[in-house]
C-alpha cells in the first residue's frame, strides 16, 4: 500500500499537513534527503507536545483516550489531555504533516523523544495492529481526504518499514509494550520505493 501511487496512503504524505497529495505532487520529504536525515534522529530534542520519559501510545483517537483515561487520565475524550494526565506520551504538535509524524516515530523508537534527550522507547498499542480493518473502520470510504484515525493505519505500515522485528507488532494485544528495533537499511529501502512513486 505504501508503494502504490493510487492508494490513499500516497495522499497522506502531502507537503502541507491535512491537505491531500494528488498524483504527481511533491511529497513532504522534498528531494528525498529527508529519509537519511531523519534516520539519524537529527531532530529529536525538541518539544513534541509532551516528551515524558514514559511509554508512547499509538492508536485511534478514541482508543488512546480510553486507554489513557483507564490509567489515570480522568474522563476525557481528548487523548491530547488524557494521555499526559496518565503520564503517557502522545504526539500533539502544530505544523503537522506525515513527515513530522515519522520524525517523531523514529525519535520514539530510538528512545530520544524526551525533551533534552532520552525516553523509554516503549510503544503501547491501544488498538491492536492485527485487528485493523480498513473496510470496517471506514478508511476506504474517505477518499480524497483523511481523518486522524486514518493516520494510525499509515503509522503501523510505517513502523513495519522501520523495524526489523515488525512481525512482533502483529501479535501485540492492547496494552502490550512493543520495542522496535530500528532497521536503517529497511527504512532506506522503503524510501527508495516511495521516492520512485513521483
Protein backbone atom coordinates (compact mmCIF):
# COMPACT_ATOMS: atom_id res chain seq x y z
CA UNK A 1 0.00 0.00 0.00
CA UNK A 2 2.89 2.37 0.72
CA UNK A 3 4.28 1.55 -2.73
CA UNK A 4 1.08 2.24 -4.67
CA UNK A 5 0.63 5.77 -6.05
CA UNK A 6 -3.09 5.03 -6.42
CA UNK A 7 -3.52 4.16 -2.75
CA UNK A 8 -4.82 6.66 -0.22
CA UNK A 9 -1.52 6.47 1.69
CA UNK A 10 0.07 8.38 -1.21
CA UNK A 11 -2.15 11.38 -0.42
CA UNK A 12 -1.34 11.47 3.30
CA UNK A 13 2.35 12.30 2.61
CA UNK A 14 1.39 15.77 1.32
CA UNK A 15 3.79 18.64 1.96
CA UNK A 16 1.06 20.57 3.76
CA UNK A 17 -0.44 18.76 6.72
CA UNK A 18 -4.12 17.81 6.46
CA UNK A 19 -4.12 18.51 2.73
CA UNK A 20 -4.33 15.59 0.30
CA UNK A 21 -1.44 14.99 -2.08
CA UNK A 22 -2.58 14.49 -5.64
CA UNK A 23 -0.76 12.20 -8.01
CA UNK A 24 2.47 13.82 -9.19
CA UNK A 25 2.54 16.47 -6.46
CA UNK A 26 5.59 16.87 -4.26
CA UNK A 27 5.65 14.92 -1.02
CA UNK A 28 6.60 16.31 2.37
CA UNK A 29 10.05 14.68 2.09
CA UNK A 30 11.11 17.10 -0.67
CA UNK A 31 14.17 15.92 -2.59
CA UNK A 32 14.31 12.71 -0.56
CA UNK A 33 17.37 13.53 1.56
CA UNK A 34 14.94 13.74 4.47
CA UNK A 35 14.84 9.94 4.81
CA UNK A 36 18.52 9.65 5.75
CA UNK A 37 18.44 12.78 7.88
CA UNK A 38 15.51 11.56 9.96
CA UNK A 39 17.02 8.07 10.30
CA UNK A 40 19.91 9.70 12.16
CA UNK A 41 17.44 11.04 14.75
CA UNK A 42 18.69 14.54 13.93
CA UNK A 43 15.55 16.33 15.03
CA UNK A 44 14.65 14.64 18.31
CA UNK A 45 15.48 17.10 21.05
CA UNK A 46 12.52 19.40 20.65
CA UNK A 47 9.11 19.85 22.17
CA UNK A 48 6.88 17.18 20.68
CA UNK A 49 3.96 18.25 22.85
CA UNK A 50 4.63 16.11 25.92
CA UNK A 51 8.07 14.48 26.00
CA UNK A 52 7.86 12.49 29.19
CA UNK A 53 10.38 9.72 29.78
CA UNK A 54 7.49 7.28 29.51
CA UNK A 55 5.83 4.88 27.04
CA UNK A 56 4.13 6.32 23.97
CA UNK A 57 0.62 5.36 22.95
CA UNK A 58 -0.45 4.66 19.37
CA UNK A 59 -3.98 4.04 18.18
CA UNK A 60 -7.24 5.65 17.16
CA UNK A 61 -8.18 8.86 18.92
CA UNK A 62 -10.94 7.08 20.83
CA UNK A 63 -8.81 4.09 21.81
CA UNK A 64 -5.96 6.30 23.04
CA UNK A 65 -8.34 8.41 25.10
CA UNK A 66 -9.98 5.34 26.63
CA UNK A 67 -6.66 3.68 27.40
CA UNK A 68 -5.20 6.82 28.98
CA UNK A 69 -8.38 7.52 30.96
CA UNK A 70 -8.22 3.99 32.38
CA UNK A 71 -4.69 4.69 33.59
CA UNK A 72 -5.33 7.91 35.43
CA UNK A 73 -6.18 10.34 32.66
CA UNK A 74 -9.60 11.08 34.13
CA UNK A 75 -12.71 11.06 31.99
CA UNK A 76 -11.53 12.98 28.98
CA UNK A 77 -12.46 12.35 25.35
CA UNK A 78 -9.34 14.15 24.13
CA UNK A 79 -6.23 11.93 24.11
CA UNK A 80 -4.08 15.06 23.99
CA UNK A 81 -5.23 15.81 27.53
CA UNK A 82 -5.93 12.32 28.88
CA UNK A 83 -2.57 10.78 27.97
CA UNK A 84 -0.31 13.42 29.56
CA UNK A 85 -2.50 13.20 32.67
CA UNK A 86 -1.83 9.45 32.70
CA UNK A 87 1.92 10.06 32.24
CA UNK A 88 1.91 8.64 28.74
CA UNK A 89 3.25 10.25 25.57
CA UNK A 90 1.27 11.19 22.51
CA UNK A 91 2.11 13.35 19.51
CA UNK A 92 0.48 16.78 19.62
CA UNK A 93 2.25 19.49 17.63
CA UNK A 94 1.41 22.40 15.38
CA UNK A 95 2.59 22.44 11.76
CA UNK A 96 1.91 18.70 11.47
CA UNK A 97 2.38 16.58 8.38
CA UNK A 98 3.15 12.88 7.96
CA UNK A 99 6.88 13.52 7.66
CA UNK A 100 6.85 15.26 11.05
CA UNK A 101 4.86 12.30 12.35
CA UNK A 102 7.51 9.88 11.07
CA UNK A 103 10.32 12.00 12.56
CA UNK A 104 8.62 11.72 15.93
CA UNK A 105 8.15 7.96 15.47
CA UNK A 106 11.86 7.45 14.82
CA UNK A 107 12.70 9.56 17.87
CA UNK A 108 10.29 7.45 19.94
CA UNK A 109 11.66 4.08 18.81
CA UNK A 110 15.24 5.20 19.31
CA UNK A 111 14.43 6.37 22.83
CA UNK A 112 15.20 10.01 22.06
CA UNK A 113 11.80 11.71 22.07
CA UNK A 114 12.16 13.13 25.57
CA UNK A 115 12.88 16.87 25.71
CA UNK A 116 16.62 17.25 26.34
CA UNK A 117 17.31 13.66 25.26
CA UNK A 118 16.29 10.24 26.45
CA UNK A 119 13.00 8.42 26.54
CA UNK A 120 11.70 4.96 27.23
CA UNK A 121 11.38 3.76 23.62
CA UNK A 122 8.33 1.71 24.60
CA UNK A 123 5.25 1.77 22.37
CA UNK A 124 1.84 0.76 23.70
CA UNK A 125 -0.85 -0.07 21.16
CA UNK A 126 -4.33 1.00 22.26
CA UNK A 127 -5.78 -0.70 19.18
CA UNK A 128 -4.13 -3.99 18.25
CA UNK A 129 -2.42 -3.73 14.83
CA UNK A 130 -3.68 -7.21 13.93
CA UNK A 131 -7.27 -6.00 14.35
CA UNK A 132 -7.03 -3.11 11.89
CA UNK A 133 -9.56 -3.44 9.11
CA UNK A 134 -9.77 -0.65 6.56
CA UNK A 135 -13.22 -1.68 5.43
CA UNK A 136 -14.67 -1.96 8.93
CA UNK A 137 -13.12 1.29 10.12
CA UNK A 138 -14.32 3.28 7.12
CA UNK A 139 -10.84 4.08 5.81
CA UNK A 140 -11.78 3.24 2.24
CA UNK A 141 -14.95 5.33 2.40
CA UNK A 142 -12.97 8.53 2.99
CA UNK A 143 -11.45 9.15 -0.43
CA UNK A 144 -9.66 12.41 -1.24
CA UNK A 145 -9.20 13.29 2.43
CA UNK A 146 -8.22 11.64 5.67
CA UNK A 147 -9.10 11.74 9.35
CA UNK A 148 -6.94 11.45 12.45
CA UNK A 149 -7.82 7.78 12.78
CA UNK A 150 -6.70 7.11 9.20
CA UNK A 151 -3.19 8.13 10.23
CA UNK A 152 -2.94 5.15 12.58
CA UNK A 153 -3.14 2.76 9.62
CA UNK A 154 -0.21 4.55 7.99
CA UNK A 155 1.72 4.72 11.28
CA UNK A 156 1.53 0.92 11.56
CA UNK A 157 2.66 0.49 7.97
CA UNK A 158 5.49 2.98 8.55
CA UNK A 159 6.60 1.11 11.68
CA UNK A 160 6.53 -2.01 9.52
CA UNK A 161 9.14 -0.31 7.30
CA UNK A 162 11.27 0.93 10.22
CA UNK A 163 11.57 -2.11 12.48
CA UNK A 164 13.48 -5.34 11.89
CA UNK A 165 11.13 -7.01 14.40
CA UNK A 166 7.99 -5.71 12.68
CA UNK A 167 6.25 -9.09 12.90
CA UNK A 168 6.04 -8.72 16.68
CA UNK A 169 3.64 -5.80 16.25
CA UNK A 170 1.01 -8.05 14.77
CA UNK A 171 0.94 -10.35 17.78
CA UNK A 172 0.70 -7.46 20.26
CA UNK A 173 -2.55 -7.11 22.20
CA UNK A 174 -3.97 -3.87 23.54
CA UNK A 175 -1.72 -2.64 26.33
CA UNK A 176 1.26 -4.76 25.33
CA UNK A 177 4.61 -2.99 25.06
CA UNK A 178 6.42 -3.09 21.73
CA UNK A 179 10.07 -2.12 21.44
CA UNK A 180 11.00 -1.51 17.80
CA UNK A 181 14.49 -2.49 16.65
CA UNK A 182 15.19 0.30 14.20
CA UNK A 183 16.46 -1.01 10.87
CA UNK A 184 18.05 1.76 8.84
CA UNK A 185 18.53 -0.44 5.77
CA UNK A 186 14.88 -1.47 5.79
CA UNK A 187 13.80 2.18 6.16
CA UNK A 188 16.06 3.36 3.32
CA UNK A 189 14.79 0.57 1.07
CA UNK A 190 11.25 1.82 1.68
CA UNK A 191 12.49 5.35 0.98
CA UNK A 192 13.81 4.35 -2.44
CA UNK A 193 10.50 2.77 -3.36
CA UNK A 194 8.42 5.69 -2.11
CA UNK A 195 10.56 8.27 -3.91
CA UNK A 196 10.08 6.41 -7.18
CA UNK A 197 6.32 6.89 -6.96
CA UNK A 198 6.80 10.50 -8.06
